[in-house]
Amino acid sequence: MVGYFNTAAADLDANLLCQEVIAPSARGESAETCAGNVGPAMQDSPENWNGNEITGVSNLRVRRDSATASAVNEGARIQLTFEREADRWWMQVFD
């Protein structure tokens, strides 16, 4: 999951982000619609995506259909949130 996010961010690939990272309930009608909405924002603000690799994932805690983990992004510790939907795990990208 984090690997897909890192690749999508580095390549500014909204299709990958919407198909493999963002949960169906969070992306709207379809992955294609999501990519159509997110793609231009990624292209307009590449500095928000490029070079923001998530590393050092640890302390994974699973509670039923949700999970959290610690990670490092731009040198700072962050908390990742995951949810299980449609029989697989997805990462929360946007608040």
PDB file of N, CA and C in Angstrom:
ATOM      1  N   MET A   1       0.820  -1.185   0.000  1.00  0.00           N
ATOM      2  CA  MET A   1       0.000   0.000   0.000  1.00  0.00           C
ATOM      3  C   MET A   1       0.871   1.259   0.000  1.00  0.00           C
ATOM      4  N   VAL A   2       1.795   1.349   0.925  1.00  0.00           N
ATOM      5  CA  VAL A   2       2.671   2.516   1.007  1.00  0.00           C
ATOM      6  C   VAL A   2       3.554   2.590  -0.240  1.00  0.00           C
ATOM      7  N   GLY A   3       3.961   1.448  -0.738  1.00  0.00           N
ATOM      8  CA  GLY A   3       4.748   1.416  -1.974  1.00  0.00           C
ATOM      9  C   GLY A   3       3.977   1.987  -3.153  1.00  0.00           C
ATOM     10  N   TYR A   4       2.707   1.639  -3.267  1.00  0.00           N
ATOM     11  CA  TYR A   4       1.865   2.216  -4.319  1.00  0.00           C
ATOM     12  C   TYR A   4       1.759   3.732  -4.147  1.00  0.00           C
ATOM     13  N   PHE A   5       1.563   4.183  -2.903  1.00  0.00           N
ATOM     14  CA  PHE A   5       1.484   5.619  -2.651  1.00  0.00           C
ATOM     15  C   PHE A   5       2.780   6.300  -3.077  1.00  0.00           C
ATOM     16  N   ASN A   6       3.921   5.749  -2.666  1.00  0.00           N
ATOM     17  CA  ASN A   6       5.210   6.359  -2.991  1.00  0.00           C
ATOM     18  C   ASN A   6       5.429   6.441  -4.498  1.00  0.00           C
ATOM     19  N   THR A   7       5.066   5.379  -5.207  1.00  0.00           N
ATOM     20  CA  THR A   7       5.216   5.382  -6.662  1.00  0.00           C
ATOM     21  C   THR A   7       4.292   6.409  -7.297  1.00  0.00           C
ATOM     22  N   ALA A   8       3.028   6.432  -6.859  1.00  0.00           N
ATOM     23  CA  ALA A   8       2.061   7.394  -7.402  1.00  0.00           C
ATOM     24  C   ALA A   8       2.519   8.824  -7.145  1.00  0.00           C
ATOM     25  N   ALA A   9       3.032   9.094  -5.954  1.00  0.00           N
ATOM     26  CA  ALA A   9       3.488  10.441  -5.613  1.00  0.00           C
ATOM     27  C   ALA A   9       4.710  10.826  -6.444  1.00  0.00           C
ATOM     28  N   ALA A  10       5.662   9.934  -6.565  1.00  0.00           N
ATOM     29  CA  ALA A  10       6.883  10.226  -7.315  1.00  0.00           C
ATOM     30  C   ALA A  10       6.602  10.448  -8.799  1.00  0.00           C
ATOM     31  N   ASP A  11       5.649   9.668  -9.341  1.00  0.00           N
ATOM     32  CA  ASP A  11       5.334   9.752 -10.768  1.00  0.00           C
ATOM     33  C   ASP A  11       4.157  10.687 -11.065  1.00  0.00           C
ATOM     34  N   LEU A  12       3.590  11.304 -10.024  1.00  0.00           N
ATOM     35  CA  LEU A  12       2.378  12.125 -10.168  1.00  0.00           C
ATOM     36  C   LEU A  12       1.302  11.342 -10.918  1.00  0.00           C
ATOM     37  N   ASP A  13       1.114  10.095 -10.503  1.00  0.00           N
ATOM     38  CA  ASP A  13       0.220   9.152 -11.174  1.00  0.00           C
ATOM     39  C   ASP A  13      -1.099   9.031 -10.406  1.00  0.00           C
ATOM     40  N   ALA A  14      -2.060   9.868 -10.782  1.00  0.00           N
ATOM     41  CA  ALA A  14      -3.358   9.862 -10.115  1.00  0.00           C
ATOM     42  C   ALA A  14      -4.110   8.559 -10.356  1.00  0.00           C
ATOM     43  N   ASN A  15      -3.905   7.930 -11.506  1.00  0.00           N
ATOM     44  CA  ASN A  15      -4.574   6.657 -11.781  1.00  0.00           C
ATOM     45  C   ASN A  15      -4.148   5.602 -10.771  1.00  0.00           C
ATOM     46  N   LEU A  16      -2.862   5.478 -10.543  1.00  0.00           N
ATOM     47  CA  LEU A  16      -2.359   4.502  -9.578  1.00  0.00           C
ATOM     48  C   LEU A  16      -2.855   4.834  -8.177  1.00  0.00           C
ATOM     49  N   LEU A  17      -2.795   6.092  -7.804  1.00  0.00           N
ATOM     50  CA  LEU A  17      -3.245   6.519  -6.484  1.00  0.00           C
ATOM     51  C   LEU A  17      -4.714   6.143  -6.271  1.00  0.00           C
ATOM     52  N   CYS A  18      -5.540   6.423  -7.256  1.00  0.00           N
ATOM     53  CA  CYS A  18      -6.977   6.177  -7.114  1.00  0.00           C
ATOM     54  C   CYS A  18      -7.340   4.704  -7.228  1.00  0.00           C
ATOM     55  N   GLN A  19      -6.589   3.940  -7.985  1.00  0.00           N
ATOM     56  CA  GLN A  19      -6.898   2.519  -8.156  1.00  0.00           C
ATOM     57  C   GLN A  19      -6.371   1.650  -7.025  1.00  0.00           C
ATOM     58  N   GLU A  20      -5.219   2.003  -6.473  1.00  0.00           N
ATOM     59  CA  GLU A  20      -4.555   1.106  -5.532  1.00  0.00           C
ATOM     60  C   GLU A  20      -4.433   1.619  -4.105  1.00  0.00           C
ATOM     61  N   VAL A  21      -4.671   2.910  -3.868  1.00  0.00           N
ATOM     62  CA  VAL A  21      -4.427   3.468  -2.543  1.00  0.00           C
ATOM     63  C   VAL A  21      -5.706   3.995  -1.894  1.00  0.00           C
ATOM     64  N   ILE A  22      -6.484   4.780  -2.624  1.00  0.00           N
ATOM     65  CA  ILE A  22      -7.674   5.431  -2.067  1.00  0.00           C
ATOM     66  C   ILE A  22      -8.857   4.470  -2.095  1.00  0.00           C
ATOM     67  N   ALA A  23      -9.518   4.314  -0.964  1.00  0.00           N
ATOM     68  CA  ALA A  23     -10.661   3.408  -0.837  1.00  0.00           C
ATOM     69  C   ALA A  23     -11.797   3.819  -1.760  1.00  0.00           C
ATOM     70  N   PRO A  24     -12.546   2.838  -2.263  1.00  0.00           N
ATOM     71  CA  PRO A  24     -13.676   3.158  -3.139  1.00  0.00           C
ATOM     72  C   PRO A  24     -14.648   4.171  -2.522  1.00  0.00           C
ATOM     73  N   SER A  25     -14.917   4.075  -1.260  1.00  0.00           N
ATOM     74  CA  SER A  25     -15.859   4.999  -0.634  1.00  0.00           C
ATOM     75  C   SER A  25     -15.301   6.420  -0.544  1.00  0.00           C
ATOM     76  N   ALA A  26     -13.992   6.555  -0.593  1.00  0.00           N
ATOM     77  CA  ALA A  26     -13.363   7.878  -0.504  1.00  0.00           C
ATOM     78  C   ALA A  26     -13.113   8.502  -1.869  1.00  0.00           C
ATOM     79  N   ARG A  27     -13.106   7.690  -2.908  1.00  0.00           N
ATOM     80  CA  ARG A  27     -12.755   8.226  -4.229  1.00  0.00           C
ATOM     81  C   ARG A  27     -13.963   8.624  -5.076  1.00  0.00           C
ATOM     82  N   GLY A  28     -15.159   8.324  -4.631  1.00  0.00           N
ATOM     83  CA  GLY A  28     -16.339   8.733  -5.379  1.00  0.00           C
ATOM     84  C   GLY A  28     -16.810   7.673  -6.343  1.00  0.00           C
ATOM     85  N   GLU A  29     -17.334   8.119  -7.461  1.00  0.00           N
ATOM     86  CA  GLU A  29     -17.991   7.227  -8.417  1.00  0.00           C
ATOM     87  C   GLU A  29     -17.097   6.100  -8.919  1.00  0.00           C
ATOM     88  N   SER A  30     -15.884   6.426  -9.291  1.00  0.00           N
ATOM     89  CA  SER A  30     -14.977   5.422  -9.848  1.00  0.00           C
ATOM     90  C   SER A  30     -13.541   5.891  -9.707  1.00  0.00           C
ATOM     91  N   ALA A  31     -12.616   4.960  -9.932  1.00  0.00           N
ATOM     92  CA  ALA A  31     -11.198   5.321  -9.905  1.00  0.00           C
ATOM     93  C   ALA A  31     -10.885   6.320 -11.022  1.00  0.00           C
ATOM     94  N   GLU A  32     -11.558   6.191 -12.140  1.00  0.00           N
ATOM     95  CA  GLU A  32     -11.330   7.101 -13.256  1.00  0.00           C
ATOM     96  C   GLU A  32     -11.776   8.528 -12.902  1.00  0.00           C
ATOM     97  N   THR A  33     -12.934   8.640 -12.261  1.00  0.00           N
ATOM     98  CA  THR A  33     -13.426   9.949 -11.833  1.00  0.00           C
ATOM     99  C   THR A  33     -12.481  10.561 -10.808  1.00  0.00           C
ATOM    100  N   CYS A  34     -12.044   9.735  -9.874  1.00  0.00           N
ATOM    101  CA  CYS A  34     -11.083  10.182  -8.859  1.00  0.00           C
ATOM    102  C   CYS A  34      -9.822  10.713  -9.532  1.00  0.00           C
ATOM    103  N   ALA A  35      -9.281   9.955 -10.461  1.00  0.00           N
ATOM    104  CA  ALA A  35      -8.050  10.367 -11.141  1.00  0.00           C
ATOM    105  C   ALA A  35      -8.264  11.666 -11.910  1.00  0.00           C
ATOM    106  N   GLY A  36      -9.449  11.825 -12.488  1.00  0.00           N
ATOM    107  CA  GLY A  36      -9.760  13.063 -13.198  1.00  0.00           C
ATOM    108  C   GLY A  36      -9.805  14.261 -12.271  1.00  0.00           C
ATOM    109  N   ASN A  37     -10.179  14.036 -11.014  1.00  0.00           N
ATOM    110  CA  ASN A  37     -10.226  15.111 -10.025  1.00  0.00           C
ATOM    111  C   ASN A  37      -8.873  15.360  -9.370  1.00  0.00           C
ATOM    112  N   VAL A  38      -8.182  14.286  -9.026  1.00  0.00           N
ATOM    113  CA  VAL A  38      -6.923  14.388  -8.286  1.00  0.00           C
ATOM    114  C   VAL A  38      -5.738  14.710  -9.204  1.00  0.00           C
ATOM    115  N   GLY A  39      -5.764  14.191 -10.414  1.00  0.00           N
ATOM    116  CA  GLY A  39      -4.647  14.366 -11.341  1.00  0.00           C
ATOM    117  C   GLY A  39      -4.249  15.812 -11.568  1.00  0.00           C
ATOM    118  N   PRO A  40      -5.194  16.692 -11.889  1.00  0.00           N
ATOM    119  CA  PRO A  40      -4.819  18.087 -12.105  1.00  0.00           C
ATOM    120  C   PRO A  40      -4.199  18.740 -10.862  1.00  0.00           C
ATOM    121  N   ALA A  41      -4.705  18.381  -9.688  1.00  0.00           N
ATOM    122  CA  ALA A  41      -4.126  18.934  -8.450  1.00  0.00           C
ATOM    123  C   ALA A  41      -2.695  18.444  -8.258  1.00  0.00           C
ATOM    124  N   MET A  42      -2.449  17.188  -8.589  1.00  0.00           N
ATOM    125  CA  MET A  42      -1.088  16.652  -8.480  1.00  0.00           C
ATOM    126  C   MET A  42      -0.163  17.390  -9.450  1.00  0.00           C
ATOM    127  N   GLN A  43      -0.630  17.609 -10.669  1.00  0.00           N
ATOM    128  CA  GLN A  43       0.183  18.281 -11.676  1.00  0.00           C
ATOM    129  C   GLN A  43       0.421  19.751 -11.329  1.00  0.00           C
ATOM    130  N   ASP A  44      -0.594  20.397 -10.746  1.00  0.00           N
ATOM    131  CA  ASP A  44      -0.480  21.811 -10.390  1.00  0.00           C
ATOM    132  C   ASP A  44       0.435  22.057  -9.194  1.00  0.00           C
ATOM    133  N   SER A  45       0.553  21.070  -8.307  1.00  0.00           N
ATOM    134  CA  SER A  45       1.368  21.224  -7.089  1.00  0.00           C
ATOM    135  C   SER A  45       2.284  20.018  -6.891  1.00  0.00           C
ATOM    136  N   PRO A  46       3.185  19.769  -7.836  1.00  0.00           N
ATOM    137  CA  PRO A  46       4.047  18.588  -7.723  1.00  0.00           C
ATOM    138  C   PRO A  46       4.914  18.599  -6.470  1.00  0.00           C
ATOM    139  N   GLU A  47       5.204  19.792  -5.938  1.00  0.00           N
ATOM    140  CA  GLU A  47       6.029  19.871  -4.732  1.00  0.00           C
ATOM    141  C   GLU A  47       5.342  19.226  -3.528  1.00  0.00           C
ATOM    142  N   ASN A  48       4.029  19.092  -3.575  1.00  0.00           N
ATOM    143  CA  ASN A  48       3.296  18.427  -2.492  1.00  0.00           C
ATOM    144  C   ASN A  48       3.387  16.906  -2.593  1.00  0.00           C
ATOM    145  N   TRP A  49       3.888  16.407  -3.705  1.00  0.00           N
ATOM    146  CA  TRP A  49       3.927  14.969  -3.945  1.00  0.00           C
ATOM    147  C   TRP A  49       5.343  14.445  -4.133  1.00  0.00           C
ATOM    148  N   ASN A  50       6.122  15.071  -5.024  1.00  0.00           N
ATOM    149  CA  ASN A  50       7.472  14.594  -5.313  1.00  0.00           C
ATOM    150  C   ASN A  50       8.371  14.745  -4.103  1.00  0.00           C
ATOM    151  N   GLY A  51       9.156  13.724  -3.834  1.00  0.00           N
ATOM    152  CA  GLY A  51      10.103  13.788  -2.732  1.00  0.00           C
ATOM    153  C   GLY A  51       9.478  13.584  -1.377  1.00  0.00           C
ATOM    154  N   ASN A  52       8.214  13.225  -1.328  1.00  0.00           N
ATOM    155  CA  ASN A  52       7.522  13.012  -0.056  1.00  0.00           C
ATOM    156  C   ASN A  52       7.332  11.529   0.238  1.00  0.00           C
ATOM    157  N   GLU A  53       8.377  10.762  -0.003  1.00  0.00           N
ATOM    158  CA  GLU A  53       8.297   9.326   0.200  1.00  0.00           C
ATOM    159  C   GLU A  53       8.038   8.993   1.669  1.00  0.00           C
ATOM    160  N   ILE A  54       7.138   8.047   1.872  1.00  0.00           N
ATOM    161  CA  ILE A  54       6.845   7.543   3.211  1.00  0.00           C
ATOM    162  C   ILE A  54       7.767   6.355   3.467  1.00  0.00           C
ATOM    163  N   THR A  55       8.508   6.394   4.571  1.00  0.00           N
ATOM    164  CA  THR A  55       9.440   5.324   4.921  1.00  0.00           C
ATOM    165  C   THR A  55       9.241   4.940   6.388  1.00  0.00           C
ATOM    166  N   GLY A  56       9.975   3.941   6.823  1.00  0.00           N
ATOM    167  CA  GLY A  56      10.023   3.573   8.228  1.00  0.00           C
ATOM    168  C   GLY A  56       8.683   3.204   8.835  1.00  0.00           C
ATOM    169  N   VAL A  57       7.855   2.501   8.085  1.00  0.00           N
ATOM    170  CA  VAL A  57       6.545   2.103   8.610  1.00  0.00           C
ATOM    171  C   VAL A  57       6.751   1.106   9.745  1.00  0.00           C
ATOM    172  N   SER A  58       6.119   1.394  10.885  1.00  0.00           N
ATOM    173  CA  SER A  58       6.258   0.526  12.055  1.00  0.00           C
ATOM    174  C   SER A  58       5.028   0.659  12.939  1.00  0.00           C
ATOM    175  N   ASN A  59       5.006  -0.117  13.990  1.00  0.00           N
ATOM    176  CA  ASN A  59       3.931  -0.069  14.988  1.00  0.00           C
ATOM    177  C   ASN A  59       2.540  -0.207  14.376  1.00  0.00           C
ATOM    178  N   LEU A  60       2.388  -1.168  13.500  1.00  0.00           N
ATOM    179  CA  LEU A  60       1.095  -1.411  12.873  1.00  0.00           C
ATOM    180  C   LEU A  60       0.120  -1.965  13.910  1.00  0.00           C
ATOM    181  N   ARG A  61      -1.031  -1.327  14.022  1.00  0.00           N
ATOM    182  CA  ARG A  61      -2.082  -1.773  14.944  1.00  0.00           C
ATOM    183  C   ARG A  61      -3.362  -1.971  14.151  1.00  0.00           C
ATOM    184  N   VAL A  62      -3.887  -3.181  14.215  1.00  0.00           N
ATOM    185  CA  VAL A  62      -5.105  -3.518  13.477  1.00  0.00           C
ATOM    186  C   VAL A  62      -6.235  -3.717  14.472  1.00  0.00           C
ATOM    187  N   ARG A  63      -7.344  -3.096  14.177  1.00  0.00           N
ATOM    188  CA  ARG A  63      -8.545  -3.254  14.979  1.00  0.00           C
ATOM    189  C   ARG A  63      -9.711  -3.428  14.023  1.00  0.00           C
ATOM    190  N   ARG A  64     -10.107  -4.678  13.839  1.00  0.00           N
ATOM    191  CA  ARG A  64     -11.175  -5.054  12.911  1.00  0.00           C
ATOM    192  C   ARG A  64     -10.888  -4.562  11.497  1.00  0.00           C
ATOM    193  N   ASP A  65     -11.645  -3.580  11.013  1.00  0.00           N
ATOM    194  CA  ASP A  65     -11.481  -3.116   9.640  1.00  0.00           C
ATOM    195  C   ASP A  65     -10.738  -1.794   9.534  1.00  0.00           C
ATOM    196  N   SER A  66      -9.987  -1.446  10.562  1.00  0.00           N
ATOM    197  CA  SER A  66      -9.166  -0.239  10.495  1.00  0.00           C
ATOM    198  C   SER A  66      -7.798  -0.538  11.104  1.00  0.00           C
ATOM    199  N   ALA A  67      -6.838   0.244  10.713  1.00  0.00           N
ATOM    200  CA  ALA A  67      -5.475   0.052  11.206  1.00  0.00           C
ATOM    201  C   ALA A  67      -4.744   1.383  11.195  1.00  0.00           C
ATOM    202  N   THR A  68      -3.743   1.481  12.039  1.00  0.00           N
ATOM    203  CA  THR A  68      -2.858   2.635  12.061  1.00  0.00           C
ATOM    204  C   THR A  68      -1.416   2.138  12.079  1.00  0.00           C
ATOM    205  N   ALA A  69      -0.531   2.989  11.659  1.00  0.00           N
ATOM    206  CA  ALA A  69       0.898   2.682  11.696  1.00  0.00           C
ATOM    207  C   ALA A  69       1.660   3.994  11.816  1.00  0.00           C
ATOM    208  N   SER A  70       2.859   3.909  12.361  1.00  0.00           N
ATOM    209  CA  SER A  70       3.766   5.054  12.401  1.00  0.00           C
ATOM    210  C   SER A  70       4.641   4.985  11.161  1.00  0.00           C
ATOM    211  N   ALA A  71       5.086   6.144  10.697  1.00  0.00           N
ATOM    212  CA  ALA A  71       5.963   6.192   9.531  1.00  0.00           C
ATOM    213  C   ALA A  71       6.743   7.509   9.582  1.00  0.00           C
ATOM    214  N   VAL A  72       7.620   7.688   8.608  1.00  0.00           N
ATOM    215  CA  VAL A  72       8.402   8.916   8.484  1.00  0.00           C
ATOM    216  C   VAL A  72       8.116   9.519   7.116  1.00  0.00           C
ATOM    217  N   ASN A  73       7.860  10.838   7.106  1.00  0.00           N
ATOM    218  CA  ASN A  73       7.629  11.582   5.874  1.00  0.00           C
ATOM    219  C   ASN A  73       8.306  12.935   6.026  1.00  0.00           C
ATOM    220  N   GLU A  74       9.189  13.249   5.110  1.00  0.00           N
ATOM    221  CA  GLU A  74       9.968  14.482   5.151  1.00  0.00           C
ATOM    222  C   GLU A  74      10.680  14.660   6.494  1.00  0.00           C
ATOM    223  N   GLY A  75      11.196  13.568   7.042  1.00  0.00           N
ATOM    224  CA  GLY A  75      11.951  13.619   8.286  1.00  0.00           C
ATOM    225  C   GLY A  75      11.124  13.669   9.547  1.00  0.00           C
ATOM    226  N   ALA A  76       9.805  13.733   9.427  1.00  0.00           N
ATOM    227  CA  ALA A  76       8.932  13.811  10.602  1.00  0.00           C
ATOM    228  C   ALA A  76       8.129  12.521  10.759  1.00  0.00           C
ATOM    229  N   ARG A  77       7.882  12.156  12.002  1.00  0.00           N
ATOM    230  CA  ARG A  77       7.024  10.992  12.275  1.00  0.00           C
ATOM    231  C   ARG A  77       5.588  11.370  11.943  1.00  0.00           C
ATOM    232  N   ILE A  78       4.889  10.472  11.273  1.00  0.00           N
ATOM    233  CA  ILE A  78       3.488  10.675  10.946  1.00  0.00           C
ATOM    234  C   ILE A  78       2.714   9.417  11.307  1.00  0.00           C
ATOM    235  N   GLN A  79       1.420   9.531  11.366  1.00  0.00           N
ATOM    236  CA  GLN A  79       0.566   8.369  11.586  1.00  0.00           C
ATOM    237  C   GLN A  79      -0.209   8.093  10.309  1.00  0.00           C
ATOM    238  N   LEU A  80      -0.165   6.860   9.880  1.00  0.00           N
ATOM    239  CA  LEU A  80      -0.924   6.427   8.712  1.00  0.00           C
ATOM    240  C   LEU A  80      -2.199   5.754   9.186  1.00  0.00           C
ATOM    241  N   THR A  81      -3.259   5.907   8.407  1.00  0.00           N
ATOM    242  CA  THR A  81      -4.521   5.269   8.708  1.00  0.00           C
ATOM    243  C   THR A  81      -4.927   4.414   7.512  1.00  0.00           C
ATOM    244  N   PHE A  82      -5.352   3.206   7.801  1.00  0.00           N
ATOM    245  CA  PHE A  82      -5.774   2.273   6.768  1.00  0.00           C
ATOM    246  C   PHE A  82      -7.189   1.787   7.086  1.00  0.00           C
ATOM    247  N   GLU A  83      -7.910   1.403   6.054  1.00  0.00           N
ATOM    248  CA  GLU A  83      -9.234   0.824   6.263  1.00  0.00           C
ATOM    249  C   GLU A  83      -9.417  -0.360   5.322  1.00  0.00           C
ATOM    250  N   ARG A  84     -10.157  -1.323   5.829  1.00  0.00           N
ATOM    251  CA  ARG A  84     -10.458  -2.504   5.021  1.00  0.00           C
ATOM    252  C   ARG A  84     -11.830  -2.299   4.400  1.00  0.00           C
ATOM    253  N   GLU A  85     -11.866  -2.403   3.088  1.00  0.00           N
ATOM    254  CA  GLU A  85     -13.101  -2.214   2.337  1.00  0.00           C
ATOM    255  C   GLU A  85     -13.009  -3.070   1.074  1.00  0.00           C
ATOM    256  N   ALA A  86     -14.117  -3.661   0.696  1.00  0.00           N
ATOM    257  CA  ALA A  86     -14.151  -4.502  -0.514  1.00  0.00           C
ATOM    258  C   ALA A  86     -13.055  -5.573  -0.464  1.00  0.00           C
ATOM    259  N   ASP A  87     -12.901  -6.176   0.714  1.00  0.00           N
ATOM    260  CA  ASP A  87     -11.976  -7.305   0.929  1.00  0.00           C
ATOM    261  C   ASP A  87     -10.501  -6.987   0.713  1.00  0.00           C
ATOM    262  N   ARG A  88     -10.123  -5.722   0.882  1.00  0.00           N
ATOM    263  CA  ARG A  88      -8.700  -5.384   0.837  1.00  0.00           C
ATOM    264  C   ARG A  88      -8.446  -4.113   1.646  1.00  0.00           C
ATOM    265  N   TRP A  89      -7.169  -3.825   1.859  1.00  0.00           N
ATOM    266  CA  TRP A  89      -6.783  -2.658   2.655  1.00  0.00           C
ATOM    267  C   TRP A  89      -6.496  -1.472   1.751  1.00  0.00           C
ATOM    268  N   TRP A  90      -6.847  -0.274   2.261  1.00  0.00           N
ATOM    269  CA  TRP A  90      -6.640   0.988   1.562  1.00  0.00           C
ATOM    270  C   TRP A  90      -6.029   1.972   2.534  1.00  0.00           C
ATOM    271  N   MET A  91      -5.340   2.954   2.029  1.00  0.00           N
ATOM    272  CA  MET A  91      -4.712   3.964   2.887  1.00  0.00           C
ATOM    273  C   MET A  91      -5.460   5.294   2.770  1.00  0.00           C
ATOM    274  N   GLN A  92      -5.678   5.940   3.893  1.00  0.00           N
ATOM    275  CA  GLN A  92      -6.298   7.261   3.881  1.00  0.00           C
ATOM    276  C   GLN A  92      -5.263   8.263   3.398  1.00  0.00           C
ATOM    277  N   VAL A  93      -5.594   8.990   2.337  1.00  0.00           N
ATOM    278  CA  VAL A  93      -4.667   9.954   1.752  1.00  0.00           C
ATOM    279  C   VAL A  93      -5.066  11.378   2.118  1.00  0.00           C
ATOM    280  N   PHE A  94      -6.346  11.653   2.039  1.00  0.00           N
ATOM    281  CA  PHE A  94      -6.863  12.998   2.302  1.00  0.00           C
ATOM    282  C   PHE A  94      -7.726  12.961   3.556  1.00  0.00           C
ATOM    283  N   ASP A  95      -7.683  14.045   4.319  1.00  0.00           N
ATOM    284  CA  ASP A  95      -8.533  14.155   5.512  1.00  0.00           C
ATOM    285  C   ASP A  95      -9.942  14.535   5.131  1.00  0.00           C
TER     286      ASP A  95
END
